[in-house]
Amino acid sequence: MKLVEDIEKLKRGEIAEVIAGRLREFEEIGKKRKDEVFGELCFCLMTANFSAERCIDIQKKMGRDFGILSEKELVVELKKYGHRFPNTRANYIFEARKCEADLCNLVGSGKERREKLVKWVKGLGMKEASHFLRNVGFKDVAIVDFHIIDLLNREGLISFNRKKSLSKKKYLEIEKILEDLARRVGLNLAELDLYLWYIETGKVLK
């Protein structure tokens, strides 16, 4: 399979160290203060249907403001920084504060924690919860976004119209395919996601 060959080639190249470094950064984020972990949750809440790079920029500029501004003030800041959905995302971030203290106290595997987060945090779906967990050091959940769906479709590993709603059942089916691929190339899901993102976009973000 060409995808397997591409990943194996990248594992032997310079990008492998970039990816390893990014994963070490994720592990460190998970050990930081709860307000910084909460900031990572806010980043993931902002990314749905919006540019990850733009969200990284907003996260850097807002910092601890995610946890202290009123909902109206959050709307103003998100508008100022050009977020596509300032009102909705401000509400999600404001409501997520109810769970801030619990983010560092979750127990269980990444998958078990994902189940809790999806129930607790308004606006946090399977993809966003997986993204958050990966970004704080968990390696057993897959981030199934449209980049990954497009790549898997082209490789013939799935047949899914990304314009359709991605149900939880379908999400888990695709995650299982990614788990099989990860085993085949000797990676965990966190590593695999970064390799696939690089293949699809030429970038290693978060």
N, C-alpha and C. Protein backbone atom coordinates (compact mmCIF):
# COMPACT_ATOMS: atom_id res chain seq x y z
N MET A 1 0.85 -1.20 0.00
CA MET A 1 0.00 0.00 0.00
C MET A 1 0.88 1.25 0.00
N LYS A 2 0.58 2.18 -0.89
CA LYS A 2 1.41 3.38 -1.01
C LYS A 2 1.45 4.17 0.29
N LEU A 3 0.33 4.26 0.99
CA LEU A 3 0.29 5.02 2.24
C LEU A 3 1.28 4.45 3.25
N VAL A 4 1.31 3.14 3.36
CA VAL A 4 2.25 2.50 4.28
C VAL A 4 3.68 2.82 3.87
N GLU A 5 3.94 2.75 2.58
CA GLU A 5 5.29 3.06 2.08
C GLU A 5 5.66 4.51 2.38
N ASP A 6 4.70 5.42 2.21
CA ASP A 6 4.97 6.84 2.48
C ASP A 6 5.29 7.07 3.95
N ILE A 7 4.52 6.42 4.82
CA ILE A 7 4.76 6.59 6.26
C ILE A 7 6.12 6.02 6.65
N GLU A 8 6.43 4.85 6.15
CA GLU A 8 7.72 4.23 6.48
C GLU A 8 8.89 5.10 6.01
N LYS A 9 8.73 5.72 4.85
CA LYS A 9 9.78 6.61 4.34
C LYS A 9 9.94 7.82 5.25
N LEU A 10 8.83 8.40 5.67
CA LEU A 10 8.88 9.56 6.56
C LEU A 10 9.50 9.21 7.91
N LYS A 11 9.24 8.01 8.40
CA LYS A 11 9.80 7.57 9.68
C LYS A 11 11.32 7.56 9.65
N ARG A 12 11.89 7.45 8.47
CA ARG A 12 13.35 7.41 8.34
C ARG A 12 13.93 8.79 8.02
N GLY A 13 13.07 9.79 7.90
CA GLY A 13 13.52 11.12 7.51
C GLY A 13 13.51 12.12 8.65
N GLU A 14 13.80 13.37 8.31
CA GLU A 14 13.91 14.44 9.31
C GLU A 14 12.58 14.74 9.99
N ILE A 15 11.47 14.53 9.29
CA ILE A 15 10.17 14.86 9.87
C ILE A 15 9.86 13.99 11.08
N ALA A 16 10.49 12.83 11.18
CA ALA A 16 10.25 11.94 12.32
C ALA A 16 10.64 12.61 13.63
N GLU A 17 11.74 13.33 13.64
CA GLU A 17 12.17 14.02 14.87
C GLU A 17 11.26 15.20 15.18
N VAL A 18 10.76 15.87 14.14
CA VAL A 18 9.81 16.97 14.35
C VAL A 18 8.55 16.43 15.04
N ILE A 19 8.07 15.32 14.55
CA ILE A 19 6.86 14.70 15.12
C ILE A 19 7.13 14.22 16.54
N ALA A 20 8.28 13.60 16.77
CA ALA A 20 8.62 13.14 18.12
C ALA A 20 8.69 14.32 19.09
N GLY A 21 9.23 15.44 18.62
CA GLY A 21 9.30 16.63 19.44
C GLY A 21 7.93 17.19 19.77
N ARG A 22 7.04 17.18 18.79
CA ARG A 22 5.69 17.68 19.02
C ARG A 22 4.95 16.82 20.04
N LEU A 23 5.16 15.51 19.97
CA LEU A 23 4.51 14.62 20.93
C LEU A 23 5.04 14.84 22.34
N ARG A 24 6.33 15.16 22.46
CA ARG A 24 6.88 15.49 23.78
C ARG A 24 6.25 16.77 24.31
N GLU A 25 5.99 17.73 23.42
CA GLU A 25 5.32 18.96 23.82
C GLU A 25 3.92 18.67 24.35
N PHE A 26 3.20 17.76 23.68
CA PHE A 26 1.86 17.41 24.13
C PHE A 26 1.90 16.81 25.54
N GLU A 27 2.86 15.94 25.79
CA GLU A 27 2.97 15.32 27.11
C GLU A 27 3.22 16.38 28.19
N GLU A 28 4.02 17.39 27.85
CA GLU A 28 4.31 18.46 28.81
C GLU A 28 3.08 19.31 29.08
N ILE A 29 2.26 19.55 28.05
CA ILE A 29 1.02 20.33 28.24
C ILE A 29 0.15 19.66 29.29
N GLY A 30 0.05 18.33 29.23
CA GLY A 30 -0.78 17.59 30.17
C GLY A 30 -0.32 17.69 31.60
N LYS A 31 0.92 18.12 31.83
CA LYS A 31 1.47 18.25 33.18
C LYS A 31 1.40 19.68 33.71
N LYS A 32 0.91 20.60 32.90
CA LYS A 32 0.90 22.00 33.29
C LYS A 32 -0.29 22.35 34.18
N ARG A 33 -0.36 23.62 34.58
CA ARG A 33 -1.44 24.09 35.44
C ARG A 33 -2.79 23.89 34.76
N LYS A 34 -3.83 23.81 35.59
CA LYS A 34 -5.16 23.52 35.03
C LYS A 34 -5.64 24.60 34.07
N ASP A 35 -5.20 25.87 34.26
CA ASP A 35 -5.64 26.92 33.35
C ASP A 35 -5.02 26.74 31.97
N GLU A 36 -3.80 26.16 31.91
CA GLU A 36 -3.17 25.92 30.62
C GLU A 36 -3.80 24.71 29.93
N VAL A 37 -4.15 23.69 30.73
CA VAL A 37 -4.86 22.55 30.17
C VAL A 37 -6.23 23.01 29.65
N PHE A 38 -6.88 23.89 30.40
CA PHE A 38 -8.16 24.43 29.97
C PHE A 38 -8.01 25.22 28.67
N GLY A 39 -6.91 25.94 28.53
CA GLY A 39 -6.65 26.68 27.29
C GLY A 39 -6.57 25.75 26.10
N GLU A 40 -6.04 24.54 26.31
CA GLU A 40 -5.96 23.56 25.23
C GLU A 40 -7.35 23.05 24.88
N LEU A 41 -8.20 22.90 25.88
CA LEU A 41 -9.59 22.52 25.62
C LEU A 41 -10.28 23.60 24.79
N CYS A 42 -10.05 24.86 25.14
CA CYS A 42 -10.65 25.98 24.40
C CYS A 42 -10.17 25.99 22.96
N PHE A 43 -8.89 25.72 22.76
CA PHE A 43 -8.36 25.63 21.40
C PHE A 43 -9.15 24.60 20.60
N CYS A 44 -9.39 23.43 21.20
CA CYS A 44 -10.10 22.36 20.48
C CYS A 44 -11.56 22.71 20.25
N LEU A 45 -12.16 23.44 21.18
CA LEU A 45 -13.54 23.89 20.97
C LEU A 45 -13.62 24.87 19.80
N MET A 46 -12.57 25.62 19.58
CA MET A 46 -12.57 26.62 18.49
C MET A 46 -12.34 26.02 17.12
N THR A 47 -11.76 24.80 17.05
CA THR A 47 -11.28 24.30 15.77
C THR A 47 -12.36 23.73 14.85
N ALA A 48 -13.53 23.40 15.38
CA ALA A 48 -14.58 22.81 14.54
C ALA A 48 -14.97 23.78 13.43
N ASN A 49 -14.80 23.32 12.18
CA ASN A 49 -15.16 24.12 11.00
C ASN A 49 -14.40 25.44 10.92
N PHE A 50 -13.18 25.44 11.46
CA PHE A 50 -12.34 26.63 11.40
C PHE A 50 -10.88 26.22 11.35
N SER A 51 -10.04 27.08 10.84
CA SER A 51 -8.63 26.79 10.63
C SER A 51 -7.89 26.53 11.94
N ALA A 52 -7.18 25.41 12.00
CA ALA A 52 -6.37 25.09 13.19
C ALA A 52 -5.28 26.14 13.40
N GLU A 53 -4.68 26.59 12.30
CA GLU A 53 -3.61 27.59 12.42
C GLU A 53 -4.15 28.90 12.98
N ARG A 54 -5.33 29.30 12.56
CA ARG A 54 -5.94 30.53 13.10
C ARG A 54 -6.26 30.35 14.58
N CYS A 55 -6.69 29.16 14.95
CA CYS A 55 -7.02 28.89 16.35
C CYS A 55 -5.77 28.89 17.23
N ILE A 56 -4.66 28.39 16.70
CA ILE A 56 -3.38 28.43 17.42
C ILE A 56 -3.02 29.88 17.72
N ASP A 57 -3.19 30.75 16.72
CA ASP A 57 -2.88 32.17 16.89
C ASP A 57 -3.79 32.81 17.94
N ILE A 58 -5.09 32.49 17.89
CA ILE A 58 -6.03 33.05 18.87
C ILE A 58 -5.69 32.56 20.27
N GLN A 59 -5.36 31.29 20.40
CA GLN A 59 -5.00 30.73 21.70
C GLN A 59 -3.79 31.45 22.29
N LYS A 60 -2.79 31.71 21.48
CA LYS A 60 -1.59 32.41 21.96
C LYS A 60 -1.94 33.83 22.41
N LYS A 61 -2.79 34.50 21.67
CA LYS A 61 -3.12 35.89 21.98
C LYS A 61 -4.02 36.01 23.20
N MET A 62 -4.92 35.05 23.40
CA MET A 62 -5.87 35.15 24.50
C MET A 62 -5.33 34.58 25.81
N GLY A 63 -4.54 33.53 25.73
CA GLY A 63 -3.93 32.99 26.95
C GLY A 63 -4.94 32.68 28.04
N ARG A 64 -4.72 33.25 29.22
CA ARG A 64 -5.59 32.97 30.37
C ARG A 64 -6.95 33.66 30.28
N ASP A 65 -7.13 34.54 29.28
CA ASP A 65 -8.42 35.21 29.12
C ASP A 65 -9.57 34.23 28.93
N PHE A 66 -9.27 33.04 28.41
CA PHE A 66 -10.32 32.04 28.24
C PHE A 66 -11.04 31.75 29.55
N GLY A 67 -10.31 31.81 30.64
CA GLY A 67 -10.88 31.43 31.93
C GLY A 67 -11.39 32.57 32.77
N ILE A 68 -11.22 33.82 32.31
CA ILE A 68 -11.60 34.94 33.19
C ILE A 68 -12.58 35.94 32.55
N LEU A 69 -12.64 36.01 31.23
CA LEU A 69 -13.53 36.97 30.58
C LEU A 69 -14.99 36.52 30.67
N SER A 70 -15.89 37.49 30.67
CA SER A 70 -17.31 37.16 30.61
C SER A 70 -17.63 36.61 29.22
N GLU A 71 -18.80 36.02 29.07
CA GLU A 71 -19.17 35.47 27.77
C GLU A 71 -19.21 36.57 26.71
N LYS A 72 -19.74 37.74 27.05
CA LYS A 72 -19.79 38.85 26.10
C LYS A 72 -18.39 39.31 25.72
N GLU A 73 -17.49 39.35 26.70
CA GLU A 73 -16.11 39.76 26.42
C GLU A 73 -15.40 38.73 25.53
N LEU A 74 -15.71 37.45 25.75
CA LEU A 74 -15.15 36.40 24.89
C LEU A 74 -15.60 36.58 23.45
N VAL A 75 -16.87 36.93 23.26
CA VAL A 75 -17.39 37.18 21.91
C VAL A 75 -16.60 38.31 21.25
N VAL A 76 -16.40 39.39 21.99
CA VAL A 76 -15.66 40.54 21.45
C VAL A 76 -14.26 40.13 21.03
N GLU A 77 -13.56 39.36 21.88
CA GLU A 77 -12.19 38.96 21.58
C GLU A 77 -12.14 38.02 20.37
N LEU A 78 -13.04 37.07 20.32
CA LEU A 78 -13.05 36.14 19.19
C LEU A 78 -13.37 36.86 17.89
N LYS A 79 -14.27 37.82 17.95
CA LYS A 79 -14.56 38.63 16.76
C LYS A 79 -13.32 39.41 16.33
N LYS A 80 -12.65 40.00 17.32
CA LYS A 80 -11.46 40.81 17.04
C LYS A 80 -10.38 39.99 16.32
N TYR A 81 -10.26 38.73 16.72
CA TYR A 81 -9.22 37.87 16.13
C TYR A 81 -9.72 37.08 14.93
N GLY A 82 -10.96 37.36 14.51
CA GLY A 82 -11.44 36.83 13.24
C GLY A 82 -12.01 35.43 13.27
N HIS A 83 -12.46 34.96 14.45
CA HIS A 83 -13.06 33.62 14.45
C HIS A 83 -14.38 33.63 13.70
N ARG A 84 -14.62 32.55 13.00
CA ARG A 84 -15.80 32.45 12.14
C ARG A 84 -17.10 32.37 12.95
N PHE A 85 -17.05 31.80 14.14
CA PHE A 85 -18.25 31.60 14.96
C PHE A 85 -18.05 32.15 16.37
N PRO A 86 -17.87 33.46 16.51
CA PRO A 86 -17.54 34.02 17.83
C PRO A 86 -18.59 33.80 18.90
N ASN A 87 -19.85 33.91 18.55
CA ASN A 87 -20.92 33.79 19.56
C ASN A 87 -21.03 32.36 20.09
N THR A 88 -21.07 31.41 19.17
CA THR A 88 -21.21 30.01 19.59
C THR A 88 -20.00 29.55 20.37
N ARG A 89 -18.81 29.86 19.85
CA ARG A 89 -17.60 29.37 20.52
C ARG A 89 -17.40 30.06 21.87
N ALA A 90 -17.77 31.32 21.98
CA ALA A 90 -17.68 32.00 23.28
C ALA A 90 -18.59 31.32 24.29
N ASN A 91 -19.77 30.92 23.86
CA ASN A 91 -20.68 30.22 24.76
C ASN A 91 -20.11 28.87 25.18
N TYR A 92 -19.54 28.13 24.23
CA TYR A 92 -18.94 26.84 24.56
C TYR A 92 -17.81 26.99 25.58
N ILE A 93 -16.95 27.99 25.34
CA ILE A 93 -15.81 28.21 26.24
C ILE A 93 -16.30 28.62 27.63
N PHE A 94 -17.27 29.51 27.67
CA PHE A 94 -17.81 29.97 28.95
C PHE A 94 -18.43 28.81 29.72
N GLU A 95 -19.22 28.00 29.04
CA GLU A 95 -19.88 26.86 29.69
C GLU A 95 -18.86 25.79 30.12
N ALA A 96 -17.77 25.67 29.37
CA ALA A 96 -16.75 24.65 29.68
C ALA A 96 -16.06 24.90 31.00
N ARG A 97 -16.12 26.13 31.51
CA ARG A 97 -15.48 26.43 32.79
C ARG A 97 -16.03 25.58 33.93
N LYS A 98 -17.25 25.12 33.78
CA LYS A 98 -17.85 24.27 34.81
C LYS A 98 -17.04 23.00 35.00
N CYS A 99 -16.32 22.60 33.97
CA CYS A 99 -15.56 21.35 33.99
C CYS A 99 -14.06 21.57 34.16
N GLU A 100 -13.64 22.84 34.23
CA GLU A 100 -12.20 23.14 34.22
C GLU A 100 -11.45 22.41 35.33
N ALA A 101 -12.01 22.43 36.54
CA ALA A 101 -11.31 21.82 37.67
C ALA A 101 -11.18 20.31 37.53
N ASP A 102 -12.06 19.70 36.73
CA ASP A 102 -12.06 18.24 36.60
C ASP A 102 -11.16 17.74 35.48
N LEU A 103 -10.67 18.63 34.62
CA LEU A 103 -9.91 18.19 33.45
C LEU A 103 -8.66 17.42 33.83
N CYS A 104 -8.01 17.82 34.92
CA CYS A 104 -6.77 17.17 35.33
C CYS A 104 -7.01 15.98 36.26
N ASN A 105 -8.28 15.72 36.58
CA ASN A 105 -8.60 14.65 37.52
C ASN A 105 -9.32 13.47 36.88
N LEU A 106 -9.46 13.47 35.56
CA LEU A 106 -10.08 12.36 34.87
C LEU A 106 -9.22 11.11 35.01
N VAL A 107 -9.86 9.96 35.09
CA VAL A 107 -9.11 8.71 35.17
C VAL A 107 -9.52 7.80 34.03
N GLY A 108 -8.67 6.82 33.75
CA GLY A 108 -8.97 5.85 32.70
C GLY A 108 -8.16 6.11 31.44
N SER A 109 -8.41 5.29 30.44
CA SER A 109 -7.73 5.44 29.16
C SER A 109 -8.23 6.68 28.44
N GLY A 110 -7.56 7.02 27.34
CA GLY A 110 -8.03 8.14 26.55
C GLY A 110 -9.46 7.94 26.07
N LYS A 111 -9.77 6.73 25.65
CA LYS A 111 -11.12 6.45 25.15
C LYS A 111 -12.16 6.60 26.26
N GLU A 112 -11.81 6.15 27.47
CA GLU A 112 -12.74 6.28 28.60
C GLU A 112 -12.94 7.75 28.97
N ARG A 113 -11.87 8.50 28.95
CA ARG A 113 -11.97 9.92 29.26
C ARG A 113 -12.75 10.66 28.18
N ARG A 114 -12.60 10.25 26.94
CA ARG A 114 -13.33 10.88 25.85
C ARG A 114 -14.84 10.75 26.06
N GLU A 115 -15.28 9.58 26.49
CA GLU A 115 -16.71 9.38 26.75
C GLU A 115 -17.23 10.39 27.76
N LYS A 116 -16.44 10.64 28.81
CA LYS A 116 -16.85 11.59 29.84
C LYS A 116 -16.86 13.01 29.31
N LEU A 117 -15.83 13.36 28.58
CA LEU A 117 -15.72 14.73 28.08
C LEU A 117 -16.86 15.08 27.12
N VAL A 118 -17.20 14.16 26.25
CA VAL A 118 -18.28 14.41 25.29
C VAL A 118 -19.61 14.66 26.03
N LYS A 119 -19.79 13.99 27.16
CA LYS A 119 -21.01 14.18 27.95
C LYS A 119 -20.97 15.48 28.75
N TRP A 120 -19.80 15.84 29.24
CA TRP A 120 -19.68 16.98 30.14
C TRP A 120 -19.61 18.32 29.43
N VAL A 121 -18.88 18.38 28.31
CA VAL A 121 -18.52 19.67 27.73
C VAL A 121 -19.39 19.99 26.52
N LYS A 122 -20.16 21.05 26.64
CA LYS A 122 -21.02 21.50 25.55
C LYS A 122 -20.17 21.86 24.34
N GLY A 123 -20.56 21.36 23.16
CA GLY A 123 -19.85 21.68 21.93
C GLY A 123 -18.66 20.81 21.64
N LEU A 124 -18.38 19.85 22.52
CA LEU A 124 -17.22 18.98 22.34
C LEU A 124 -17.69 17.63 21.81
N GLY A 125 -17.44 17.40 20.52
CA GLY A 125 -17.80 16.13 19.91
C GLY A 125 -16.66 15.13 20.00
N MET A 126 -16.81 14.01 19.32
CA MET A 126 -15.79 12.96 19.36
C MET A 126 -14.45 13.48 18.83
N LYS A 127 -14.48 14.20 17.73
CA LYS A 127 -13.23 14.70 17.14
C LYS A 127 -12.55 15.69 18.06
N GLU A 128 -13.31 16.65 18.59
CA GLU A 128 -12.72 17.68 19.43
C GLU A 128 -12.20 17.10 20.75
N ALA A 129 -12.95 16.15 21.32
CA ALA A 129 -12.50 15.51 22.56
C ALA A 129 -11.23 14.70 22.32
N SER A 130 -11.17 14.01 21.19
CA SER A 130 -9.97 13.24 20.83
C SER A 130 -8.79 14.18 20.63
N HIS A 131 -9.04 15.31 19.97
CA HIS A 131 -8.00 16.30 19.72
C HIS A 131 -7.43 16.82 21.04
N PHE A 132 -8.31 17.17 21.96
CA PHE A 132 -7.87 17.65 23.27
C PHE A 132 -7.02 16.61 23.98
N LEU A 133 -7.50 15.38 24.02
CA LEU A 133 -6.77 14.33 24.74
C LEU A 133 -5.41 14.07 24.10
N ARG A 134 -5.35 14.04 22.79
CA ARG A 134 -4.06 13.87 22.12
C ARG A 134 -3.12 15.02 22.48
N ASN A 135 -3.67 16.24 22.55
CA ASN A 135 -2.84 17.41 22.80
C ASN A 135 -2.37 17.54 24.25
N VAL A 136 -2.91 16.70 25.13
CA VAL A 136 -2.42 16.68 26.52
C VAL A 136 -1.74 15.35 26.84
N GLY A 137 -1.37 14.61 25.78
CA GLY A 137 -0.50 13.46 25.99
C GLY A 137 -1.06 12.08 25.80
N PHE A 138 -2.35 11.94 25.48
CA PHE A 138 -2.92 10.61 25.28
C PHE A 138 -2.67 10.13 23.86
N LYS A 139 -2.43 8.83 23.73
CA LYS A 139 -2.01 8.29 22.44
C LYS A 139 -2.93 7.19 21.90
N ASP A 140 -4.09 7.01 22.52
CA ASP A 140 -4.96 5.89 22.15
C ASP A 140 -6.28 6.33 21.53
N VAL A 141 -6.36 7.59 21.08
CA VAL A 141 -7.57 8.07 20.41
C VAL A 141 -7.19 8.67 19.06
N ALA A 142 -8.10 8.58 18.10
CA ALA A 142 -7.85 9.09 16.75
C ALA A 142 -8.65 10.36 16.52
N ILE A 143 -8.03 11.31 15.83
CA ILE A 143 -8.70 12.56 15.46
C ILE A 143 -9.19 12.39 14.02
N VAL A 144 -10.47 12.12 13.88
CA VAL A 144 -11.04 11.86 12.55
C VAL A 144 -11.62 13.16 12.01
N ASP A 145 -10.79 13.93 11.31
CA ASP A 145 -11.27 15.16 10.70
C ASP A 145 -11.30 15.00 9.18
N PHE A 146 -11.68 16.06 8.47
CA PHE A 146 -11.88 15.91 7.02
C PHE A 146 -10.57 15.64 6.28
N HIS A 147 -9.43 16.11 6.82
CA HIS A 147 -8.15 15.79 6.19
C HIS A 147 -7.91 14.28 6.20
N ILE A 148 -8.17 13.67 7.34
CA ILE A 148 -7.96 12.23 7.48
C ILE A 148 -8.97 11.46 6.64
N ILE A 149 -10.22 11.91 6.63
CA ILE A 149 -11.25 11.25 5.83
C ILE A 149 -10.89 11.31 4.35
N ASP A 150 -10.45 12.47 3.88
CA ASP A 150 -10.07 12.60 2.47
C ASP A 150 -8.94 11.64 2.11
N LEU A 151 -7.93 11.57 2.97
CA LEU A 151 -6.78 10.72 2.71
C LEU A 151 -7.20 9.24 2.69
N LEU A 152 -7.99 8.83 3.68
CA LEU A 152 -8.42 7.43 3.74
C LEU A 152 -9.33 7.07 2.58
N ASN A 153 -10.14 8.02 2.14
CA ASN A 153 -10.97 7.78 0.96
C ASN A 153 -10.11 7.53 -0.27
N ARG A 154 -9.10 8.37 -0.46
CA ARG A 154 -8.23 8.23 -1.63
C ARG A 154 -7.46 6.91 -1.62
N GLU A 155 -7.11 6.46 -0.42
CA GLU A 155 -6.37 5.21 -0.29
C GLU A 155 -7.27 3.98 -0.39
N GLY A 156 -8.58 4.20 -0.46
CA GLY A 156 -9.52 3.08 -0.56
C GLY A 156 -9.74 2.36 0.76
N LEU A 157 -9.33 2.98 1.87
CA LEU A 157 -9.51 2.34 3.18
C LEU A 157 -10.92 2.56 3.72
N ILE A 158 -11.57 3.64 3.28
CA ILE A 158 -12.96 3.90 3.63
C ILE A 158 -13.67 4.44 2.40
N SER A 159 -14.99 4.48 2.48
CA SER A 159 -15.80 5.13 1.45
C SER A 159 -16.84 5.96 2.18
N PHE A 160 -16.51 7.24 2.38
CA PHE A 160 -17.38 8.09 3.20
C PHE A 160 -17.41 9.50 2.63
N ASN A 161 -18.60 10.03 2.44
CA ASN A 161 -18.79 11.40 1.97
C ASN A 161 -18.66 12.33 3.17
N ARG A 162 -17.58 13.12 3.21
CA ARG A 162 -17.34 13.94 4.39
C ARG A 162 -18.34 15.07 4.55
N LYS A 163 -19.21 15.27 3.57
CA LYS A 163 -20.27 16.27 3.72
C LYS A 163 -21.41 15.73 4.59
N LYS A 164 -21.42 14.41 4.78
CA LYS A 164 -22.43 13.80 5.64
C LYS A 164 -22.02 13.94 7.10
N SER A 165 -23.01 13.86 7.98
CA SER A 165 -22.73 13.91 9.40
C SER A 165 -21.98 12.64 9.82
N LEU A 166 -20.96 12.81 10.63
CA LEU A 166 -20.16 11.67 11.09
C LEU A 166 -20.71 11.20 12.42
N SER A 167 -21.45 10.10 12.40
CA SER A 167 -22.04 9.56 13.63
C SER A 167 -20.96 8.98 14.53
N LYS A 168 -21.31 8.78 15.78
CA LYS A 168 -20.36 8.15 16.71
C LYS A 168 -19.99 6.76 16.22
N LYS A 169 -20.96 6.01 15.74
CA LYS A 169 -20.69 4.65 15.25
C LYS A 169 -19.68 4.68 14.11
N LYS A 170 -19.89 5.61 13.15
CA LYS A 170 -18.97 5.69 12.01
C LYS A 170 -17.60 6.19 12.46
N TYR A 171 -17.59 7.12 13.40
CA TYR A 171 -16.32 7.62 13.93
C TYR A 171 -15.49 6.46 14.49
N LEU A 172 -16.14 5.61 15.29
CA LEU A 172 -15.42 4.50 15.91
C LEU A 172 -14.98 3.47 14.87
N GLU A 173 -15.77 3.32 13.81
CA GLU A 173 -15.37 2.41 12.73
C GLU A 173 -14.10 2.90 12.05
N ILE A 174 -14.05 4.20 11.78
CA ILE A 174 -12.86 4.77 11.15
C ILE A 174 -11.67 4.73 12.10
N GLU A 175 -11.93 4.97 13.37
CA GLU A 175 -10.86 4.88 14.37
C GLU A 175 -10.26 3.48 14.39
N LYS A 176 -11.10 2.47 14.26
CA LYS A 176 -10.60 1.08 14.23
C LYS A 176 -9.70 0.86 13.01
N ILE A 177 -10.07 1.42 11.87
CA ILE A 177 -9.24 1.31 10.66
C ILE A 177 -7.89 1.99 10.90
N LEU A 178 -7.91 3.13 11.57
CA LEU A 178 -6.67 3.82 11.88
C LEU A 178 -5.82 3.04 12.87
N GLU A 179 -6.46 2.38 13.82
CA GLU A 179 -5.72 1.53 14.76
C GLU A 179 -5.01 0.40 14.02
N ASP A 180 -5.70 -0.20 13.08
CA ASP A 180 -5.09 -1.28 12.28
C ASP A 180 -3.90 -0.75 11.47
N LEU A 181 -4.07 0.45 10.89
CA LEU A 181 -2.99 1.05 10.12
C LEU A 181 -1.81 1.38 11.04
N ALA A 182 -2.10 1.89 12.23
CA ALA A 182 -1.04 2.24 13.18
C ALA A 182 -0.21 1.01 13.56
N ARG A 183 -0.90 -0.10 13.81
CA ARG A 183 -0.18 -1.34 14.14
C ARG A 183 0.70 -1.78 12.97
N ARG A 184 0.17 -1.60 11.77
CA ARG A 184 0.91 -2.05 10.58
C ARG A 184 2.22 -1.28 10.41
N VAL A 185 2.24 -0.01 10.78
CA VAL A 185 3.44 0.80 10.60
C VAL A 185 4.19 1.03 11.91
N GLY A 186 3.77 0.36 12.98
CA GLY A 186 4.49 0.44 14.24
C GLY A 186 4.41 1.78 14.94
N LEU A 187 3.23 2.42 14.90
CA LEU A 187 3.02 3.71 15.54
C LEU A 187 1.81 3.65 16.46
N ASN A 188 1.72 4.60 17.41
CA ASN A 188 0.48 4.76 18.14
C ASN A 188 -0.40 5.75 17.39
N LEU A 189 -1.64 5.93 17.84
CA LEU A 189 -2.58 6.78 17.11
C LEU A 189 -2.15 8.25 17.09
N ALA A 190 -1.52 8.71 18.16
CA ALA A 190 -1.06 10.10 18.18
C ALA A 190 0.03 10.33 17.14
N GLU A 191 0.97 9.41 17.07
CA GLU A 191 2.03 9.51 16.06
C GLU A 191 1.45 9.42 14.66
N LEU A 192 0.58 8.45 14.46
CA LEU A 192 -0.01 8.25 13.13
C LEU A 192 -0.74 9.50 12.67
N ASP A 193 -1.49 10.13 13.55
CA ASP A 193 -2.23 11.33 13.16
C ASP A 193 -1.30 12.40 12.62
N LEU A 194 -0.17 12.62 13.28
CA LEU A 194 0.76 13.66 12.83
C LEU A 194 1.40 13.30 11.49
N TYR A 195 1.70 12.02 11.29
CA TYR A 195 2.24 11.60 10.00
C TYR A 195 1.20 11.79 8.90
N LEU A 196 -0.04 11.40 9.17
CA LEU A 196 -1.08 11.54 8.16
C LEU A 196 -1.37 13.01 7.86
N TRP A 197 -1.37 13.83 8.89
CA TRP A 197 -1.59 15.26 8.69
C TRP A 197 -0.47 15.85 7.84
N TYR A 198 0.75 15.39 8.08
CA TYR A 198 1.88 15.90 7.30
C TYR A 198 1.76 15.46 5.84
N ILE A 199 1.36 14.21 5.63
CA ILE A 199 1.18 13.72 4.26
C ILE A 199 0.10 14.52 3.54
N GLU A 200 -0.95 14.86 4.25
CA GLU A 200 -2.09 15.54 3.64
C GLU A 200 -1.87 17.04 3.49
N THR A 201 -1.17 17.68 4.44
CA THR A 201 -1.07 19.14 4.44
C THR A 201 0.36 19.67 4.31
N GLY A 202 1.35 18.80 4.53
CA GLY A 202 2.74 19.28 4.51
C GLY A 202 3.13 20.02 5.77
N LYS A 203 2.30 19.90 6.82
CA LYS A 203 2.55 20.64 8.07
C LYS A 203 2.44 19.70 9.27
N VAL A 204 3.13 20.08 10.35
CA VAL A 204 2.98 19.39 11.64
C VAL A 204 2.49 20.45 12.62
N LEU A 205 1.19 20.44 12.90
CA LEU A 205 0.62 21.44 13.81
C LEU A 205 0.33 20.79 15.15
N LYS A 206 -0.91 20.91 15.59
CA LYS A 206 -1.29 20.25 16.84
C LYS A 206 -2.78 19.98 16.82
